[in-house]
Amino acid sequence: MTAQRTTTPVTGIVGLGSMGEALLHLLHRAGHTVVAVDSDLDVLARAAARLKAVLAAEDGPPRPDVTFTADHTALPTAGLVIEAVPDDPAVKGDVLGRIVAVCPPGTPVVTTTATLSVTRLAVATGRPDDVAGIRLFTPPAAGGPAEPVRTPLTSPDTAAAVDALLASAGLDPVAVGARPAADATALVLGFLNRAVVLLDEGYATQHDIDTAMRLGCGLPAGPLETLDRIGLRTAHTALTELWRRTGDSAFEPAPLLSRMVAAGRLGRTNGDGFYAYDETGAAVTDRPADGPGDTDAVAVRRVGVLGSGAMARGIAEVTARAGYPTVLVARTAEKADRALEAVDESLTRGVRRGRVTVQAKASARELLTGAHDMVALADCDLVIEAVAEDVDVKRAMFTALGEICAPGAVLATTTSSLSVAACAEASGRPADVVGIHFFNPAPVMKLVELAHTGTVGQKVLATARAFCATLGKTTVACPDRTGFIVNSLLFPYLGDALALLERHDVDIEETDHAIRSGFGYPMGPFALLDTIGLDVSLAIQNRLYACFGTPEYEPAAALEELVAAGLLGRKNGRGLRTSGRR
């Protein structure tokens, strides 16, 4: 019996930007001989050097050859060619034309376009039966999503070749569709663009912006990390095309993004973007371990929590579990008792799910007490206010705290959309007041936004930061401003999604699926709105709009109408994806 010989597939890749280089590494790891083509000699040299560094670091078995060249005439040896240049119609048309001019008929040609019509690109080559697409939302990684795109003219052989390519590269085929994919891409690009604006304003560092959105929204990567991975020129091109086509100023590339592209800072593509990258293309971690002034932190021995709602109960549970004697102060003794019962139930659920030990539950309950008189807060080193999001109510609470609490006690508000400075002023001791915005549910979410006013003392800020670290939380720093980091970026994105409802061809389920499947977000915008609560979302957007007055914060008419009609989301079973839609 004669042994069957296996042949090494030969694959061409034209364009070694973020998408092309990622495909190069995937296919080379899968055993493909690769012909890598790019017109930029510096790009070729960089891609070759990176591949060499990666192979040296892995120290694995020998792999097939990779030919790096600027000459398209090297492509005819390939059994399949991938075009991976930026989503510019003219550029893609030119490159696809060059490929079909040198490759024999019957060679599958694959375009990586995310937003352009594969059918039009295919027809323009004159060989539409040989052309198909793979839709990549971000640079591919093993196990990541990729959508095979067949046109009405794609031949069965070409379609089969695309399926085999994805399987060989270890990519997960997903079905999204052109319209949902375009909508999802536009929503995400607008969000990423706003993150660059926030950075350019100097409001927060790139590390804090990315950390806030990863931990606060469960994203697989922060917006600036994502832009670096996509490639800043690629993102700039896509934004420019969306801006040209729609006239929507949300897609006008942020000035900082334009400046970076003009200066040749293109992200991971060339090792210099919002972050720096080593010779293998891995991000260089340069975040300082501690913020300024942490050595001034004062030990916290006893904690007070003012309020009895879900956030107050969650915070009290977190502080007690961290070993702090904690007093929860409610308006009445009955409310305080009910709050403690709710904490006990939460701890019991934690035990049942294996997140909390029986001993830890018992210890936390022993440390947690309730009260209905604010005098109980007098001996607390740190007091966290978690009452209703009403500025008059909060100011009244801080006026009382300023009189009751011991000198030097840290006074914190959990607000995310009201003024920390207003609370500080009402306290009569503004140097002691800081914003500590926990995310709901507090026992689960790791992020805390630490908001500082111009009057807060550095010792207070350092104490608050060190205290949050003992709770197992990650803090991001930002000046006192409505929305802080997360809400100021999240709600324009949600507003953009709601604006899609003005179109007749939008399917809520398909859009959410595209965001989840394509970009790896834990849920789509419509499901997220239902989870937050449409009424809560409207209130936050109204506060953002009142503060900034710019179009991206203006509540969508659809949101106001939904709330007026009593559609509030998950809380009452009637919303965008509730009432039998699931």
Protein backbone atom coordinates (compact mmCIF):
# COMPACT_ATOMS: atom_id res chain seq x y z
CA MET A 1 0.00 0.00 0.00
CA THR A 2 1.46 3.35 -1.05
CA ALA A 3 1.48 6.10 1.60
CA GLN A 4 -0.51 9.15 0.64
CA ARG A 5 1.64 12.23 0.20
CA THR A 6 0.46 15.42 1.83
CA THR A 7 1.14 18.72 0.16
CA THR A 8 1.84 21.98 1.89
CA PRO A 9 -0.75 24.58 0.87
CA VAL A 10 0.68 27.71 -0.68
CA THR A 11 -1.26 30.86 0.18
CA GLY A 12 -0.67 34.40 -0.99
CA ILE A 13 -1.40 37.43 1.20
CA VAL A 14 -1.36 40.90 -0.31
CA GLY A 15 -1.19 43.66 2.30
CA LEU A 16 0.69 43.17 5.57
CA GLY A 17 -1.18 45.64 7.73
CA SER A 18 -2.98 44.53 10.88
CA MET A 19 -5.31 42.06 9.13
CA GLY A 20 -2.76 40.68 6.69
CA GLU A 21 -0.02 40.17 9.25
CA ALA A 22 -2.42 38.42 11.64
CA LEU A 23 -3.50 36.08 8.83
CA LEU A 24 0.14 35.48 7.95
CA HIS A 25 0.90 34.25 11.48
CA LEU A 26 -2.23 32.09 11.68
CA LEU A 27 -1.65 30.39 8.33
CA HIS A 28 2.08 29.95 8.83
CA ARG A 29 1.41 28.34 12.22
CA ALA A 30 -1.11 26.07 10.46
CA GLY A 31 1.57 24.85 8.06
CA HIS A 32 0.98 27.01 4.99
CA THR A 33 3.80 28.16 2.76
CA VAL A 34 3.06 31.88 2.44
CA VAL A 35 3.86 34.40 -0.27
CA ALA A 36 3.55 37.76 1.54
CA VAL A 37 3.28 40.82 -0.70
CA ASP A 38 3.31 44.49 0.22
CA SER A 39 4.33 47.54 -1.81
CA ASP A 40 5.97 49.15 1.23
CA LEU A 41 9.48 47.81 1.78
CA ASP A 42 9.52 48.99 5.40
CA VAL A 43 6.34 47.03 6.06
CA LEU A 44 7.87 43.93 4.50
CA ALA A 45 11.01 44.26 6.60
CA ARG A 46 9.01 44.79 9.79
CA ALA A 47 6.72 41.81 9.13
CA ALA A 48 9.70 39.58 8.37
CA ALA A 49 11.52 40.70 11.52
CA ARG A 50 8.44 40.11 13.66
CA LEU A 51 7.89 36.64 12.28
CA LYS A 52 11.53 35.80 12.95
CA ALA A 53 11.27 37.10 16.53
CA VAL A 54 8.07 35.14 17.15
CA LEU A 55 9.60 31.92 15.82
CA ALA A 56 12.69 32.44 17.96
CA ALA A 57 10.56 33.01 21.06
CA GLU A 58 8.44 29.92 20.40
CA ASP A 59 11.44 27.70 19.63
CA GLY A 60 9.13 25.17 17.98
CA PRO A 61 9.60 22.72 15.10
CA PRO A 62 10.57 24.06 11.65
CA ARG A 63 7.80 25.64 9.63
CA PRO A 64 7.30 26.15 5.89
CA ASP A 65 8.92 29.07 4.12
CA VAL A 66 7.54 32.58 3.88
CA THR A 67 8.50 34.71 0.91
CA PHE A 68 8.36 38.43 1.57
CA THR A 69 8.22 40.45 -1.65
CA ALA A 70 6.92 43.63 -3.24
CA ASP A 71 6.41 41.82 -6.55
CA HIS A 72 2.91 40.58 -7.37
CA THR A 73 4.35 38.24 -9.99
CA ALA A 74 5.35 35.89 -7.15
CA LEU A 75 1.66 35.08 -6.56
CA PRO A 76 0.93 32.54 -9.36
CA THR A 77 2.48 29.76 -7.24
CA ALA A 78 -0.30 30.24 -4.65
CA GLY A 79 -3.36 28.03 -4.62
CA LEU A 80 -5.37 30.85 -2.99
CA VAL A 81 -4.68 34.56 -2.59
CA ILE A 82 -5.98 36.82 0.17
CA GLU A 83 -6.29 40.57 -0.39
CA ALA A 84 -5.92 42.35 2.98
CA VAL A 85 -5.48 46.05 2.17
CA PRO A 86 -7.53 48.84 3.85
CA ASP A 87 -11.24 49.24 3.05
CA ASP A 88 -10.80 51.88 0.38
CA PRO A 89 -12.76 50.98 -2.79
CA ALA A 90 -10.11 52.34 -5.16
CA VAL A 91 -7.21 50.65 -3.35
CA LYS A 92 -9.00 47.30 -3.11
CA GLY A 93 -10.08 47.47 -6.74
CA ASP A 94 -6.52 48.13 -7.86
CA VAL A 95 -5.02 45.32 -5.75
CA LEU A 96 -7.66 42.77 -6.77
CA GLY A 97 -7.03 43.72 -10.41
CA ARG A 98 -3.29 43.08 -9.97
CA ILE A 99 -3.98 39.70 -8.38
CA VAL A 100 -6.27 38.38 -11.13
CA ALA A 101 -3.88 39.73 -13.77
CA VAL A 102 -1.07 37.41 -12.60
CA CYS A 103 -2.95 34.43 -11.14
CA PRO A 104 -4.41 31.79 -13.48
CA PRO A 105 -8.19 31.46 -13.85
CA GLY A 106 -9.66 29.25 -11.16
CA THR A 107 -7.40 30.61 -8.41
CA PRO A 108 -9.64 31.57 -5.46
CA VAL A 109 -9.19 35.23 -4.55
CA VAL A 110 -10.43 36.33 -1.12
CA THR A 111 -11.07 39.93 -0.08
CA THR A 112 -11.09 40.84 3.61
CA THR A 113 -13.45 43.77 3.26
CA ALA A 114 -15.63 44.50 6.29
CA THR A 115 -17.85 47.23 4.83
CA LEU A 116 -17.63 47.17 1.02
CA SER A 117 -19.75 45.12 -1.37
CA VAL A 118 -17.94 41.87 -2.20
CA THR A 119 -20.18 41.46 -5.25
CA ARG A 120 -19.13 44.80 -6.73
CA LEU A 121 -15.46 44.14 -6.02
CA ALA A 122 -15.79 40.69 -7.60
CA VAL A 123 -17.53 41.91 -10.74
CA ALA A 124 -14.91 44.62 -11.20
CA THR A 125 -12.18 41.95 -11.46
CA GLY A 126 -13.83 40.36 -14.48
CA ARG A 127 -13.56 36.98 -12.73
CA PRO A 128 -16.41 37.08 -10.21
CA ASP A 129 -16.62 33.29 -9.97
CA ASP A 130 -13.11 33.23 -8.45
CA VAL A 131 -13.79 35.92 -5.83
CA ALA A 132 -15.28 35.58 -2.35
CA GLY A 133 -14.79 37.38 0.94
CA ILE A 134 -14.07 36.85 4.60
CA ARG A 135 -15.44 39.49 6.91
CA LEU A 136 -13.01 40.16 9.76
CA PHE A 137 -14.21 42.61 12.40
CA THR A 138 -10.83 42.82 14.14
CA PRO A 139 -7.46 41.26 13.33
CA PRO A 140 -7.99 37.51 13.53
CA ALA A 141 -6.71 35.28 16.30
CA ALA A 142 -7.02 31.52 16.68
CA GLY A 143 -10.60 30.68 17.61
CA GLY A 144 -11.78 34.16 16.65
CA PRO A 145 -14.74 34.95 14.40
CA ALA A 146 -14.68 35.25 10.62
CA GLU A 147 -17.65 35.38 8.28
CA PRO A 148 -17.32 33.68 4.89
CA VAL A 149 -18.99 35.88 2.26
CA ARG A 150 -20.18 34.34 -0.98
CA THR A 151 -21.65 36.41 -3.77
CA PRO A 152 -24.35 35.14 -6.16
CA LEU A 153 -21.53 34.66 -8.68
CA THR A 154 -19.03 32.84 -6.45
CA SER A 155 -18.27 29.36 -7.77
CA PRO A 156 -18.74 26.29 -5.55
CA ASP A 157 -15.00 25.59 -5.74
CA THR A 158 -14.13 29.09 -4.53
CA ALA A 159 -16.70 28.87 -1.72
CA ALA A 160 -15.26 25.51 -0.63
CA ALA A 161 -11.74 26.96 -0.71
CA VAL A 162 -12.81 29.77 1.66
CA ASP A 163 -14.37 27.28 4.08
CA ALA A 164 -11.18 25.21 4.03
CA LEU A 165 -9.08 28.33 4.60
CA LEU A 166 -11.02 29.31 7.74
CA ALA A 167 -10.84 25.76 9.09
CA SER A 168 -7.10 25.59 8.48
CA ALA A 169 -6.50 28.96 10.14
CA GLY A 170 -8.51 27.89 13.20
CA LEU A 171 -11.09 30.63 12.75
CA ASP A 172 -14.71 30.25 13.84
CA PRO A 173 -17.16 30.77 10.95
CA VAL A 174 -20.03 33.07 11.96
CA ALA A 175 -23.13 34.18 10.09
CA VAL A 176 -23.82 37.88 10.54
CA GLY A 177 -24.95 39.41 7.26
CA ALA A 178 -23.87 42.51 5.38
CA ARG A 179 -26.30 45.01 6.86
CA PRO A 180 -25.93 43.99 10.54
CA ALA A 181 -22.16 43.78 10.08
CA ALA A 182 -22.04 47.29 8.61
CA ASP A 183 -24.22 48.66 11.41
CA ALA A 184 -22.15 46.93 14.09
CA THR A 185 -18.91 48.18 12.57
CA ALA A 186 -20.22 51.75 12.40
CA LEU A 187 -21.40 51.62 16.03
CA VAL A 188 -18.05 50.35 17.25
CA LEU A 189 -15.99 52.75 15.12
CA GLY A 190 -17.97 55.70 16.47
CA PHE A 191 -17.32 54.47 20.01
CA LEU A 192 -13.60 54.02 19.35
CA ASN A 193 -13.38 57.48 17.80
CA ARG A 194 -14.96 59.09 20.87
CA ALA A 195 -12.43 57.36 23.09
CA VAL A 196 -9.64 59.10 21.14
CA VAL A 197 -11.40 62.44 21.64
CA LEU A 198 -11.60 61.78 25.40
CA LEU A 199 -7.89 61.02 25.49
CA ASP A 200 -7.06 64.10 23.43
CA GLU A 201 -8.99 66.25 25.88
CA GLY A 202 -6.62 65.07 28.60
CA TYR A 203 -9.52 63.81 30.69
CA ALA A 204 -7.96 60.40 31.42
CA THR A 205 -4.94 58.35 30.41
CA GLN A 206 -5.09 55.69 27.71
CA HIS A 207 -4.59 53.03 30.41
CA ASP A 208 -7.52 54.30 32.48
CA ILE A 209 -9.82 54.68 29.47
CA ASP A 210 -9.10 51.14 28.33
CA THR A 211 -9.30 49.65 31.83
CA ALA A 212 -12.59 51.42 32.50
CA MET A 213 -14.26 50.10 29.37
CA ARG A 214 -12.87 46.57 29.74
CA LEU A 215 -13.89 46.17 33.37
CA GLY A 216 -16.94 48.44 33.36
CA CYS A 217 -18.53 46.96 30.23
CA GLY A 218 -16.86 43.56 29.98
CA LEU A 219 -15.23 44.32 26.62
CA PRO A 220 -12.52 41.96 25.37
CA ALA A 221 -10.17 44.94 24.89
CA GLY A 222 -10.25 48.65 25.59
CA PRO A 223 -11.09 51.07 22.74
CA LEU A 224 -7.55 52.38 22.30
CA GLU A 225 -6.09 48.87 22.48
CA THR A 226 -8.60 47.88 19.81
CA LEU A 227 -7.62 50.77 17.56
CA ASP A 228 -3.95 49.80 17.87
CA ARG A 229 -4.83 46.22 16.88
CA ILE A 230 -7.00 47.29 13.94
CA GLY A 231 -4.34 49.72 12.79
CA LEU A 232 -4.77 53.46 13.07
CA ARG A 233 -4.60 54.06 9.32
CA THR A 234 -7.16 51.32 8.70
CA ALA A 235 -9.51 52.81 11.30
CA HIS A 236 -8.92 56.33 9.97
CA THR A 237 -9.76 55.20 6.44
CA ALA A 238 -12.94 53.45 7.57
CA LEU A 239 -14.07 56.44 9.63
CA THR A 240 -13.38 58.83 6.77
CA GLU A 241 -15.43 56.70 4.39
CA LEU A 242 -18.34 56.52 6.86
CA TRP A 243 -18.17 60.28 7.39
CA ARG A 244 -18.14 60.90 3.65
CA ARG A 245 -21.06 58.56 3.07
CA THR A 246 -23.28 59.57 6.00
CA GLY A 247 -22.28 63.13 6.83
CA ASP A 248 -22.46 62.12 10.51
CA SER A 249 -19.87 64.09 12.50
CA ALA A 250 -19.49 61.14 14.89
CA PHE A 251 -17.36 59.53 12.17
CA GLU A 252 -15.13 62.53 11.53
CA PRO A 253 -11.75 61.13 12.59
CA ALA A 254 -10.64 62.54 15.93
CA PRO A 255 -7.90 65.15 15.45
CA LEU A 256 -5.49 63.09 17.55
CA LEU A 257 -6.10 60.05 15.35
CA SER A 258 -5.38 62.12 12.24
CA ARG A 259 -2.22 63.55 13.79
CA MET A 260 -0.96 60.10 14.75
CA VAL A 261 -1.54 58.69 11.27
CA ALA A 262 0.17 61.69 9.69
CA ALA A 263 3.15 61.16 12.01
CA GLY A 264 3.41 57.49 11.03
CA ARG A 265 2.19 56.20 14.39
CA LEU A 266 -0.03 53.39 13.13
CA GLY A 267 -0.53 51.19 16.19
CA ARG A 268 0.61 47.60 16.51
CA THR A 269 1.14 47.60 12.74
CA ASN A 270 4.44 49.46 13.13
CA GLY A 271 4.98 49.15 16.88
CA ASP A 272 3.98 52.70 17.79
CA GLY A 273 0.44 53.81 18.59
CA PHE A 274 -1.44 54.49 21.77
CA TYR A 275 0.90 51.86 23.23
CA ALA A 276 4.38 50.63 22.39
CA TYR A 277 5.12 47.12 21.08
CA ASP A 278 8.18 44.89 21.22
CA GLU A 279 9.91 43.09 18.35
CA THR A 280 7.31 40.29 18.37
CA GLY A 281 4.39 42.73 18.25
CA ALA A 282 3.43 42.19 21.90
CA ALA A 283 2.32 45.27 23.84
CA VAL A 284 4.86 46.72 26.24
CA THR A 285 3.29 47.14 29.66
CA ASP A 286 4.39 50.42 31.14
CA ARG A 287 1.55 51.29 33.52
CA PRO A 288 2.84 52.45 36.93
CA ALA A 289 1.92 50.11 39.76
CA ASP A 290 0.59 52.87 42.01
CA GLY A 291 -0.83 56.30 41.46
CA PRO A 292 0.73 59.45 42.85
CA GLY A 293 0.51 60.01 46.57
CA ASP A 294 -0.37 56.43 47.63
CA THR A 295 2.30 56.60 50.34
CA ASP A 296 0.09 59.22 52.04
CA ALA A 297 -2.79 56.78 52.49
CA VAL A 298 -4.29 56.55 55.96
CA ALA A 299 -5.49 53.22 57.32
CA VAL A 300 -9.26 52.70 57.28
CA ARG A 301 -10.54 50.81 60.33
CA ARG A 302 -14.33 51.28 60.16
CA VAL A 303 -16.59 51.96 57.18
CA GLY A 304 -20.02 53.55 56.94
CA VAL A 305 -22.47 53.10 54.07
CA LEU A 306 -25.32 55.57 53.77
CA GLY A 307 -28.34 54.17 51.93
CA SER A 308 -30.32 50.94 51.69
CA GLY A 309 -30.82 50.40 47.95
CA ALA A 310 -29.13 47.80 45.74
CA MET A 311 -25.89 49.76 45.42
CA ALA A 312 -25.63 50.51 49.15
CA ARG A 313 -26.28 46.86 50.02
CA GLY A 314 -23.71 45.67 47.50
CA ILE A 315 -21.04 48.04 48.79
CA ALA A 316 -21.72 47.06 52.39
CA GLU A 317 -21.35 43.40 51.43
CA VAL A 318 -18.04 44.12 49.70
CA THR A 319 -16.55 46.08 52.62
CA ALA A 320 -17.66 43.53 55.21
CA ARG A 321 -16.27 40.66 53.14
CA ALA A 322 -12.99 42.57 52.92
CA GLY A 323 -12.79 42.52 56.71
CA TYR A 324 -13.98 46.03 57.57
CA PRO A 325 -16.44 46.58 60.41
CA THR A 326 -19.27 48.25 58.47
CA VAL A 327 -22.39 50.09 59.50
CA LEU A 328 -25.21 50.52 56.98
CA VAL A 329 -27.41 53.50 57.77
CA ALA A 330 -30.93 53.63 56.31
CA ARG A 331 -33.79 56.09 56.79
CA THR A 332 -35.70 53.77 59.09
CA ALA A 333 -34.97 50.75 61.25
CA GLU A 334 -37.21 48.64 59.01
CA LYS A 335 -35.24 49.63 55.89
CA ALA A 336 -31.97 48.88 57.66
CA ASP A 337 -33.21 45.42 58.67
CA ARG A 338 -34.42 44.65 55.15
CA ALA A 339 -31.07 45.78 53.72
CA LEU A 340 -29.18 43.43 56.05
CA GLU A 341 -31.54 40.58 55.12
CA ALA A 342 -30.83 41.28 51.44
CA VAL A 343 -27.07 41.18 52.08
CA ASP A 344 -27.51 37.89 53.92
CA GLU A 345 -29.43 36.46 50.95
CA SER A 346 -26.70 37.64 48.57
CA LEU A 347 -24.01 35.99 50.69
CA THR A 348 -26.05 32.78 50.78
CA ARG A 349 -26.25 32.80 46.97
CA GLY A 350 -22.50 33.32 46.93
CA VAL A 351 -21.99 30.26 49.11
CA ARG A 352 -24.34 28.21 46.92
CA ARG A 353 -22.40 29.21 43.80
CA GLY A 354 -19.02 28.58 45.35
CA ARG A 355 -17.91 32.22 45.35
CA VAL A 356 -18.08 32.67 49.14
CA THR A 357 -17.12 30.20 51.85
CA VAL A 358 -19.40 29.50 54.79
CA GLN A 359 -16.74 30.98 57.10
CA ALA A 360 -16.43 34.14 54.97
CA LYS A 361 -20.20 34.62 55.04
CA ALA A 362 -20.31 34.27 58.82
CA SER A 363 -17.40 36.69 59.25
CA ALA A 364 -18.96 39.28 56.93
CA ARG A 365 -22.32 39.16 58.71
CA GLU A 366 -20.61 39.56 62.06
CA LEU A 367 -18.84 42.69 60.82
CA LEU A 368 -21.99 44.24 59.30
CA THR A 369 -24.50 46.14 61.40
CA GLY A 370 -27.48 48.35 60.60
CA ALA A 371 -28.66 51.68 61.94
CA HIS A 372 -31.23 54.37 61.13
CA ASP A 373 -29.48 57.34 62.72
CA MET A 374 -26.59 59.01 60.92
CA VAL A 375 -24.87 59.51 64.27
CA ALA A 376 -23.77 55.87 63.85
CA LEU A 377 -21.32 57.16 61.22
CA ALA A 378 -19.48 59.43 63.65
CA ASP A 379 -16.63 56.99 64.34
CA CYS A 380 -16.15 55.81 60.74
CA ASP A 381 -12.88 56.53 58.96
CA LEU A 382 -14.56 56.38 55.54
CA VAL A 383 -18.22 56.90 54.69
CA ILE A 384 -19.73 56.01 51.33
CA GLU A 385 -22.97 57.76 50.35
CA ALA A 386 -25.17 55.62 48.10
CA VAL A 387 -28.59 57.29 48.17
CA ALA A 388 -30.82 58.30 45.25
CA GLU A 389 -29.30 60.09 42.23
CA ASP A 390 -30.85 63.42 43.19
CA VAL A 391 -28.51 66.33 43.74
CA ASP A 392 -30.68 67.94 46.44
CA VAL A 393 -30.90 64.67 48.39
CA LYS A 394 -27.17 64.12 48.11
CA ARG A 395 -26.34 67.66 49.16
CA ALA A 396 -28.53 67.27 52.24
CA MET A 397 -26.74 64.04 53.13
CA PHE A 398 -23.32 65.65 52.78
CA THR A 399 -24.33 68.64 54.87
CA ALA A 400 -25.19 66.20 57.66
CA LEU A 401 -22.04 64.11 57.10
CA GLY A 402 -19.88 67.20 57.32
CA GLU A 403 -21.25 67.90 60.78
CA ILE A 404 -21.40 64.33 62.12
CA CYS A 405 -18.22 62.66 60.86
CA ALA A 406 -14.91 62.98 62.63
CA PRO A 407 -12.33 65.44 61.28
CA GLY A 408 -10.20 63.74 58.63
CA ALA A 409 -12.78 61.08 57.78
CA VAL A 410 -13.03 60.43 54.05
CA LEU A 411 -16.49 61.23 52.66
CA ALA A 412 -17.29 59.53 49.34
CA THR A 413 -20.20 59.67 46.92
CA THR A 414 -21.06 56.85 44.52
CA THR A 415 -22.63 59.16 41.95
CA SER A 416 -21.78 58.62 38.30
CA SER A 417 -23.72 61.50 36.78
CA LEU A 418 -24.03 64.23 39.40
CA SER A 419 -21.46 66.71 40.62
CA VAL A 420 -18.98 65.50 43.23
CA ALA A 421 -18.07 69.15 43.77
CA ALA A 422 -21.67 69.95 44.73
CA CYS A 423 -21.51 67.27 47.42
CA ALA A 424 -18.10 68.53 48.55
CA GLU A 425 -19.35 72.09 48.86
CA ALA A 426 -22.40 71.01 50.87
CA SER A 427 -20.20 69.10 53.33
CA GLY A 428 -18.37 72.26 54.39
CA ARG A 429 -15.11 70.28 54.19
CA PRO A 430 -14.43 69.89 50.45
CA ALA A 431 -10.88 68.58 50.96
CA ASP A 432 -12.39 65.41 52.48
CA VAL A 433 -14.81 64.54 49.65
CA VAL A 434 -14.10 62.20 46.73
CA GLY A 435 -16.14 60.26 44.18
CA ILE A 436 -15.95 56.45 44.44
CA HIS A 437 -18.21 55.13 41.70
CA PHE A 438 -18.83 51.41 42.16
CA PHE A 439 -20.42 49.45 39.33
CA ASN A 440 -23.52 47.35 39.84
CA PRO A 441 -23.51 44.64 41.12
CA ALA A 442 -20.76 45.86 43.45
CA PRO A 443 -19.81 42.39 44.77
CA VAL A 444 -19.07 41.23 41.21
CA MET A 445 -17.80 44.22 39.24
CA LYS A 446 -14.09 44.94 39.67
CA LEU A 447 -14.04 48.54 38.45
CA VAL A 448 -14.20 51.71 40.53
CA GLU A 449 -14.04 55.17 38.98
CA LEU A 450 -12.20 57.43 41.42
CA ALA A 451 -13.36 60.99 40.69
CA HIS A 452 -11.48 63.90 42.15
CA THR A 453 -12.43 67.55 42.47
CA GLY A 454 -10.00 70.44 42.45
CA THR A 455 -10.34 70.77 46.21
CA VAL A 456 -9.78 67.20 47.41
CA GLY A 457 -6.72 66.56 49.54
CA GLN A 458 -4.03 64.25 48.18
CA LYS A 459 -4.10 62.21 51.40
CA VAL A 460 -7.84 61.65 50.96
CA LEU A 461 -7.36 60.60 47.34
CA ALA A 462 -4.53 58.24 48.27
CA THR A 463 -6.59 56.75 51.11
CA ALA A 464 -9.56 56.15 48.82
CA ARG A 465 -7.37 54.49 46.20
CA ALA A 466 -5.62 52.25 48.72
CA PHE A 467 -8.97 51.37 50.34
CA CYS A 468 -10.45 50.29 46.98
CA ALA A 469 -7.41 48.10 46.36
CA THR A 470 -8.07 46.25 49.63
CA LEU A 471 -11.57 45.52 48.33
CA GLY A 472 -10.06 43.80 45.30
CA LYS A 473 -11.14 46.62 43.01
CA THR A 474 -9.25 48.26 40.16
CA THR A 475 -9.45 52.03 40.20
CA VAL A 476 -9.28 54.45 37.29
CA ALA A 477 -8.74 58.12 38.00
CA CYS A 478 -10.71 60.94 36.42
CA PRO A 479 -11.64 64.53 37.23
CA ASP A 480 -15.14 65.29 38.49
CA ARG A 481 -17.35 65.49 35.40
CA THR A 482 -20.76 64.14 34.50
CA GLY A 483 -20.55 60.56 33.26
CA PHE A 484 -16.88 60.08 34.18
CA ILE A 485 -15.23 57.67 31.70
CA VAL A 486 -17.63 54.77 31.22
CA ASN A 487 -20.98 56.54 30.89
CA SER A 488 -19.55 59.34 28.75
CA LEU A 489 -18.41 56.74 26.18
CA LEU A 490 -21.12 54.12 26.64
CA PHE A 491 -24.25 56.22 26.24
CA PRO A 492 -23.44 57.88 22.90
CA TYR A 493 -22.84 54.35 21.58
CA LEU A 494 -26.22 53.24 22.94
CA GLY A 495 -27.80 56.38 21.50
CA ASP A 496 -26.35 55.58 18.09
CA ALA A 497 -27.90 52.12 18.30
CA LEU A 498 -31.31 53.59 19.14
CA ALA A 499 -31.01 55.93 16.15
CA LEU A 500 -30.87 52.85 13.93
CA LEU A 501 -34.51 52.18 14.81
CA GLU A 502 -35.48 55.06 12.52
CA ARG A 503 -34.63 52.74 9.61
CA HIS A 504 -37.09 50.10 8.44
CA ASP A 505 -34.45 47.46 7.67
CA VAL A 506 -32.92 47.15 11.15
CA ASP A 507 -33.40 43.96 13.13
CA ILE A 508 -32.58 44.36 16.82
CA GLU A 509 -31.66 40.71 17.27
CA GLU A 510 -29.35 40.71 14.24
CA THR A 511 -27.55 43.88 15.33
CA ASP A 512 -26.95 42.53 18.82
CA HIS A 513 -25.74 39.25 17.34
CA ALA A 514 -23.30 41.10 15.07
CA ILE A 515 -21.81 42.99 18.04
CA ARG A 516 -21.48 39.81 20.09
CA SER A 517 -20.22 37.51 17.34
CA GLY A 518 -18.07 40.00 15.47
CA PHE A 519 -16.52 42.07 18.24
CA GLY A 520 -16.83 39.75 21.23
CA TYR A 521 -18.84 42.17 23.36
CA PRO A 522 -20.78 40.39 26.11
CA MET A 523 -24.08 41.73 24.81
CA GLY A 524 -25.36 43.95 22.04
CA PRO A 525 -26.53 47.53 22.62
CA PHE A 526 -30.24 46.72 22.69
CA ALA A 527 -29.86 43.91 25.22
CA LEU A 528 -27.64 46.22 27.29
CA LEU A 529 -30.27 48.98 27.27
CA ASP A 530 -32.86 46.49 28.52
CA THR A 531 -30.46 45.38 31.25
CA ILE A 532 -29.64 48.90 32.42
CA GLY A 533 -33.29 49.94 32.20
CA LEU A 534 -34.62 52.28 29.55
CA ASP A 535 -35.80 54.76 32.17
CA VAL A 536 -32.38 54.77 33.85
CA SER A 537 -30.70 55.16 30.45
CA LEU A 538 -32.95 58.12 29.62
CA ALA A 539 -32.17 59.79 32.94
CA ILE A 540 -28.42 59.39 32.40
CA GLN A 541 -28.60 60.66 28.83
CA ASN A 542 -30.63 63.67 29.96
CA ARG A 543 -27.96 64.53 32.54
CA LEU A 544 -25.17 64.11 30.00
CA TYR A 545 -26.99 66.27 27.49
CA ALA A 546 -27.74 68.95 30.10
CA CYS A 547 -24.04 69.03 30.98
CA PHE A 548 -22.44 68.91 27.52
CA GLY A 549 -25.23 69.98 25.16
CA THR A 550 -23.63 68.24 22.18
CA PRO A 551 -25.52 66.02 19.70
CA GLU A 552 -23.93 62.73 20.73
CA TYR A 553 -25.52 63.02 24.18
CA GLU A 554 -29.00 64.04 23.08
CA PRO A 555 -31.47 61.28 24.01
CA ALA A 556 -32.95 59.51 21.00
CA ALA A 557 -36.62 60.27 20.41
CA ALA A 558 -37.26 56.52 20.37
CA LEU A 559 -35.92 56.21 23.92
CA GLU A 560 -38.22 58.91 25.24
CA GLU A 561 -41.20 57.34 23.50
CA LEU A 562 -40.39 53.85 24.80
CA VAL A 563 -40.16 55.08 28.38
CA ALA A 564 -43.37 57.10 28.03
CA ALA A 565 -45.10 53.94 26.81
CA GLY A 566 -43.94 52.04 29.90
CA LEU A 567 -41.32 49.93 28.16
CA LEU A 568 -38.56 49.93 30.75
CA GLY A 569 -36.61 46.78 29.87
CA ARG A 570 -35.84 43.74 31.94
CA LYS A 571 -37.15 45.26 35.17
CA ASN A 572 -40.78 45.08 33.99
CA GLY A 573 -40.45 42.54 31.19
CA ARG A 574 -41.25 45.08 28.47
CA GLY A 575 -38.45 46.62 26.46
CA LEU A 576 -36.46 46.31 23.28
CA ARG A 577 -35.69 42.59 23.49
CA THR A 578 -38.25 41.52 26.07
CA SER A 579 -42.01 40.81 25.91
CA GLY A 580 -41.57 37.49 24.13
CA ARG A 581 -38.75 38.60 21.78
CA ARG A 582 -36.15 36.32 23.39
